[in-house]
């Protein structure tokens, strides 16, 4: 693994740390490649229940490394965090602009430092913001806020990010990573892995579906989950008044449905 990305897996949590502090963790092709590899691992390994992406202080990510050519550095991760079958949490513990903010917006939950600077300033440099922001921003903050951020290229702080819906919470900088880790551990220890994975996928995909399709998929996915090992464990834990001991496998129990926004999505039967 590249030294530009630190990977620590412990107690079901993978912490991926952007690690170019002297350059405020500015993205390079090597960092993109390392993050792609780490995200694929997080998707594949059942032992990983939740993922936290953060940055080595003093920033989360200052965007693309401008010493690289524009065509080499992109925020289009492969796979993007929203396609990982585990909850992915962004612990945005410092400035996040350009690609840095784009990566955070690809995550499921986002905790922002209140006194950091955020923005997508690419239009002020004669290019287009990427990293799926024209898809994530309207979903998270609405079309009006997305237009404001993308067309002006202005910056804003953590409080405004939270007010617009970009952050689940705005916190003092030193509290961001501990809060994200606490949420990750709560998910890893409390949520059934397959249920959380399918709920995440339907959350992201359901925005583009008709309500009837979402309802149909909720029913069919619950029928699929009911066939798995964790379904019985959930009932046993409830009867015995204890915390469940989840042992299901997301990789082995993943259904044929893998997310689609078209109305003719086939059923799970």
Protein backbone atom coordinates (compact mmCIF):
# COMPACT_ATOMS: atom_id res chain seq x y z
CA UNK A 1 0.00 0.00 0.00
CA UNK A 2 1.25 3.47 -0.87
CA UNK A 3 2.58 5.59 1.99
CA UNK A 4 0.19 8.29 0.69
CA UNK A 5 -2.68 6.29 2.17
CA UNK A 6 -2.55 4.69 5.61
CA UNK A 7 -4.83 1.66 6.10
CA UNK A 8 -5.70 0.36 9.55
CA UNK A 9 -8.21 -2.44 10.08
CA UNK A 10 -9.23 -3.24 13.64
CA UNK A 11 -12.38 -4.45 15.40
CA UNK A 12 -14.35 -4.49 12.17
CA UNK A 13 -13.43 -0.90 11.25
CA UNK A 14 -11.20 0.12 8.35
CA UNK A 15 -9.67 3.57 8.75
CA UNK A 16 -8.27 4.99 5.51
CA UNK A 17 -6.11 8.05 6.12
CA UNK A 18 -4.98 10.37 3.34
CA UNK A 19 -1.35 10.91 4.23
CA UNK A 20 0.48 13.80 2.55
CA UNK A 21 0.36 16.29 5.44
CA UNK A 22 3.05 18.59 4.01
CA UNK A 23 0.82 19.05 0.95
CA UNK A 24 -2.42 19.12 2.98
CA UNK A 25 -3.17 15.63 1.61
CA UNK A 26 -3.56 16.88 -1.96
CA UNK A 27 -4.60 14.08 -4.30
CA UNK A 28 -2.12 12.39 -6.63
CA UNK A 29 -2.56 9.46 -9.03
CA UNK A 30 -0.80 7.23 -6.50
CA UNK A 31 -3.20 8.26 -3.75
CA UNK A 32 -6.18 7.65 -6.04
CA UNK A 33 -4.89 4.18 -6.94
CA UNK A 34 -4.23 3.30 -3.29
CA UNK A 35 -7.67 4.49 -2.22
CA UNK A 36 -9.31 2.47 -5.01
CA UNK A 37 -7.46 -0.65 -3.86
CA UNK A 38 -8.39 -0.08 -0.22
CA UNK A 39 -12.05 0.49 -1.05
CA UNK A 40 -12.19 -2.74 -3.06
CA UNK A 41 -10.75 -4.57 -0.06
CA UNK A 42 -13.37 -3.01 2.20
CA UNK A 43 -16.10 -4.14 -0.16
CA UNK A 44 -14.79 -7.70 -0.41
CA UNK A 45 -13.86 -8.54 3.18
CA UNK A 46 -16.76 -9.55 5.42
CA UNK A 47 -14.67 -8.86 8.53
CA UNK A 48 -14.81 -5.15 7.67
CA UNK A 49 -18.18 -3.83 8.85
CA UNK A 50 -17.66 -0.06 8.45
CA UNK A 51 -15.15 2.31 6.86
CA UNK A 52 -13.84 5.72 7.95
CA UNK A 53 -12.00 8.02 5.53
CA UNK A 54 -10.00 10.85 7.10
CA UNK A 55 -6.84 12.87 6.60
CA UNK A 56 -3.57 13.39 8.45
CA UNK A 57 -3.65 16.85 10.03
CA UNK A 58 -3.67 19.75 9.22
CA UNK A 59 -6.27 19.07 6.49
CA UNK A 60 -8.66 16.48 5.15
CA UNK A 61 -7.70 17.10 1.52
CA UNK A 62 -6.76 20.33 -0.27
CA UNK A 63 -7.87 19.00 -3.67
CA UNK A 64 -5.76 17.85 -6.60
CA UNK A 65 -2.00 18.22 -6.49
CA UNK A 66 -1.56 21.01 -9.03
CA UNK A 67 1.96 19.84 -9.80
CA UNK A 68 0.31 16.90 -11.57
CA UNK A 69 -1.33 17.39 -14.96
CA UNK A 70 -5.08 17.97 -14.75
CA UNK A 71 -5.89 14.80 -16.68
CA UNK A 72 -4.03 12.57 -14.21
CA UNK A 73 -5.78 13.49 -10.97
CA UNK A 74 -9.49 12.84 -10.65
CA UNK A 75 -12.10 12.42 -7.96
CA UNK A 76 -13.74 9.56 -9.85
CA UNK A 77 -12.87 6.74 -7.46
CA UNK A 78 -13.37 3.17 -8.67
CA UNK A 79 -15.38 2.00 -6.84
CA UNK A 80 -16.78 5.18 -5.29
CA UNK A 81 -17.60 5.00 -1.57
CA UNK A 82 -21.35 5.03 -2.25
CA UNK A 83 -20.98 1.67 -4.08
CA UNK A 84 -19.10 -0.03 -1.25
CA UNK A 85 -21.32 -2.59 0.51
CA UNK A 86 -20.36 -1.25 3.93
CA UNK A 87 -21.26 2.10 5.50
CA UNK A 88 -18.53 4.64 4.68
CA UNK A 89 -18.04 7.62 7.00
CA UNK A 90 -16.08 10.75 6.13
CA UNK A 91 -14.26 12.25 9.10
CA UNK A 92 -13.54 15.62 7.51
CA UNK A 93 -11.15 16.89 10.15
CA UNK A 94 -9.83 19.88 8.21
CA UNK A 95 -10.02 21.82 4.96
CA UNK A 96 -11.70 19.93 2.10
CA UNK A 97 -11.83 21.60 -1.31
CA UNK A 98 -12.13 20.31 -4.85
CA UNK A 99 -11.50 16.57 -4.95
CA UNK A 100 -11.30 16.55 -1.16
CA UNK A 101 -14.89 17.69 -0.77
CA UNK A 102 -16.00 15.49 -3.67
CA UNK A 103 -14.66 12.38 -1.92
CA UNK A 104 -16.40 13.31 1.32
CA UNK A 105 -19.70 13.75 -0.52
CA UNK A 106 -19.40 10.22 -1.91
CA UNK A 107 -19.59 8.84 1.64
CA UNK A 108 -22.76 7.80 3.47
CA UNK A 109 -22.20 9.84 6.63
CA UNK A 110 -20.10 12.98 6.89
CA UNK A 111 -18.76 14.78 9.98
CA UNK A 112 -17.17 18.18 9.31
CA UNK A 113 -14.79 20.38 11.30
CA UNK A 114 -16.60 23.61 12.08
CA UNK A 115 -13.70 25.99 11.42
CA UNK A 116 -12.37 24.42 8.20
CA UNK A 117 -12.83 25.71 4.65
CA UNK A 118 -14.93 23.82 2.10
CA UNK A 119 -15.66 24.44 -1.55
CA UNK A 120 -15.65 23.30 -5.16
CA UNK A 121 -13.71 26.08 -6.83
CA UNK A 122 -12.94 24.42 -10.16
CA UNK A 123 -15.02 26.88 -12.21
CA UNK A 124 -12.68 29.63 -11.00
CA UNK A 125 -9.80 27.68 -12.57
CA UNK A 126 -11.48 27.12 -15.89
CA UNK A 127 -12.39 23.45 -15.38
CA UNK A 128 -15.38 21.41 -14.20
CA UNK A 129 -15.78 19.93 -10.72
CA UNK A 130 -15.74 16.12 -10.88
CA UNK A 131 -15.86 13.21 -8.48
CA UNK A 132 -19.60 12.70 -9.08
CA UNK A 133 -20.45 16.08 -7.48
CA UNK A 134 -23.10 16.89 -10.09
CA UNK A 135 -24.83 13.73 -8.87
CA UNK A 136 -24.13 13.81 -5.11
CA UNK A 137 -24.61 17.53 -4.45
CA UNK A 138 -28.23 17.86 -5.66
CA UNK A 139 -29.15 14.72 -3.70
CA UNK A 140 -27.60 15.95 -0.48
CA UNK A 141 -28.19 19.70 -0.60
CA UNK A 142 -30.88 20.28 -3.23
CA UNK A 143 -30.58 21.84 -6.67
CA UNK A 144 -30.45 25.47 -5.47
CA UNK A 145 -27.58 24.87 -3.05
CA UNK A 146 -25.77 22.69 -5.58
CA UNK A 147 -25.99 25.46 -8.19
CA UNK A 148 -24.73 28.01 -5.68
CA UNK A 149 -21.70 25.88 -4.76
CA UNK A 150 -20.81 24.74 -8.27
CA UNK A 151 -21.44 27.90 -10.28
CA UNK A 152 -19.84 30.41 -7.91
CA UNK A 153 -16.96 28.27 -6.70
CA UNK A 154 -17.22 30.03 -3.33
CA UNK A 155 -16.05 28.59 -0.04
CA UNK A 156 -18.02 28.01 3.16
CA UNK A 157 -17.51 26.70 6.69
CA UNK A 158 -18.70 23.63 8.56
CA UNK A 159 -21.79 25.28 10.01
CA UNK A 160 -23.05 26.19 6.55
CA UNK A 161 -22.20 22.72 5.27
CA UNK A 162 -24.38 21.21 7.99
CA UNK A 163 -27.19 23.68 7.33
CA UNK A 164 -27.21 22.70 3.64
CA UNK A 165 -27.26 18.98 4.43
CA UNK A 166 -23.71 18.22 3.36
CA UNK A 167 -22.66 17.27 6.89
CA UNK A 168 -24.44 15.09 9.42
CA UNK A 169 -22.82 17.19 12.11
CA UNK A 170 -20.44 20.13 12.42
CA UNK A 171 -17.94 19.69 15.27
CA UNK A 172 -14.73 21.16 16.69
CA UNK A 173 -11.85 19.77 14.66
CA UNK A 174 -10.42 17.46 17.37
CA UNK A 175 -13.84 15.83 17.85
CA UNK A 176 -14.43 14.88 14.22
CA UNK A 177 -12.46 11.63 13.99
CA UNK A 178 -13.47 10.31 17.46
CA UNK A 179 -17.12 10.97 16.59
CA UNK A 180 -16.81 9.20 13.25
CA UNK A 181 -15.08 6.24 14.89
CA UNK A 182 -17.78 6.00 17.56
CA UNK A 183 -20.47 5.88 14.87
CA UNK A 184 -18.47 3.29 12.91
CA UNK A 185 -18.15 1.06 15.99
CA UNK A 186 -21.86 1.43 16.72
CA UNK A 187 -22.66 0.28 13.17
CA UNK A 188 -20.11 -2.54 13.26
CA UNK A 189 -21.40 -3.89 16.55
CA UNK A 190 -25.12 -3.19 16.21
CA UNK A 191 -26.29 -3.34 12.59
CA UNK A 192 -26.77 -6.57 10.67
CA UNK A 193 -24.17 -6.46 7.87
CA UNK A 194 -26.42 -7.54 4.99
CA UNK A 195 -29.31 -5.37 6.14
CA UNK A 196 -27.07 -2.31 6.39
CA UNK A 197 -25.48 -3.03 3.01
CA UNK A 198 -28.79 -3.38 1.20
CA UNK A 199 -30.33 -0.39 2.97
CA UNK A 200 -27.34 1.70 1.89
CA UNK A 201 -27.63 0.56 -1.73
CA UNK A 202 -31.37 1.26 -1.83
CA UNK A 203 -30.89 4.68 -0.22
CA UNK A 204 -28.53 5.82 -2.97
CA UNK A 205 -30.42 4.17 -5.83
CA UNK A 206 -33.93 4.89 -4.57
CA UNK A 207 -33.70 8.63 -5.22
CA UNK A 208 -34.10 7.97 -8.93
CA UNK A 209 -36.93 5.43 -8.60
CA UNK A 210 -40.69 5.65 -8.46
CA UNK A 211 -42.14 5.08 -4.98
CA UNK A 212 -43.81 1.82 -6.10
CA UNK A 213 -40.46 0.42 -7.21
CA UNK A 214 -38.83 1.34 -3.90
CA UNK A 215 -41.67 -0.33 -2.02
CA UNK A 216 -41.38 -3.47 -4.17
CA UNK A 217 -37.63 -3.67 -3.61
CA UNK A 218 -38.01 -3.15 0.15
CA UNK A 219 -40.37 -6.13 0.26
CA UNK A 220 -38.26 -8.36 -1.98
CA UNK A 221 -35.01 -7.49 -0.23
CA UNK A 222 -36.58 -8.27 3.15
CA UNK A 223 -37.70 -11.65 1.79
CA UNK A 224 -34.12 -12.25 0.68
CA UNK A 225 -32.70 -11.24 4.08
CA UNK A 226 -35.17 -13.55 5.84
CA UNK A 227 -33.46 -16.54 4.19
CA UNK A 228 -30.09 -15.64 5.72
CA UNK A 229 -28.44 -16.77 8.92
CA UNK A 230 -28.77 -13.41 10.64
CA UNK A 231 -32.55 -13.47 10.41
CA UNK A 232 -32.73 -16.30 12.92
CA UNK A 233 -30.11 -14.66 15.11
CA UNK A 234 -32.12 -11.44 15.23
CA UNK A 235 -35.18 -13.27 16.57
CA UNK A 236 -33.11 -15.30 19.04
CA UNK A 237 -31.41 -12.18 20.40
CA UNK A 238 -34.78 -10.45 20.76
CA UNK A 239 -36.28 -13.40 22.68
CA UNK A 240 -33.20 -13.75 24.89
CA UNK A 241 -32.93 -10.00 25.49
CA UNK A 242 -29.30 -9.78 24.37
CA UNK A 243 -27.32 -8.09 21.65
CA UNK A 244 -27.25 -10.10 18.42
CA UNK A 245 -24.09 -11.86 17.30
CA UNK A 246 -24.13 -11.26 13.56
CA UNK A 247 -22.34 -13.84 11.42
CA UNK A 248 -23.88 -13.32 7.98
CA UNK A 249 -21.73 -12.74 4.90
CA UNK A 250 -22.40 -9.76 2.65
CA UNK A 251 -20.18 -11.18 -0.09
CA UNK A 252 -21.86 -14.62 -0.06
CA UNK A 253 -25.46 -13.52 0.57
CA UNK A 254 -25.60 -10.55 -1.81
CA UNK A 255 -28.72 -10.84 -4.00
CA UNK A 256 -28.97 -10.69 -7.77
CA UNK A 257 -30.27 -7.11 -7.49
CA UNK A 258 -27.27 -4.81 -7.39
CA UNK A 259 -28.92 -1.42 -7.72
CA UNK A 260 -30.61 0.19 -10.71
CA UNK A 261 -32.63 3.29 -11.37
CA UNK A 262 -34.74 1.95 -14.22
CA UNK A 263 -38.40 1.11 -13.79
CA UNK A 264 -37.96 -2.31 -15.40
CA UNK A 265 -35.59 -3.59 -12.74
CA UNK A 266 -36.13 -7.38 -12.48
CA UNK A 267 -37.41 -8.86 -9.25
CA UNK A 268 -35.32 -11.03 -6.93
CA UNK A 269 -37.38 -14.14 -7.67
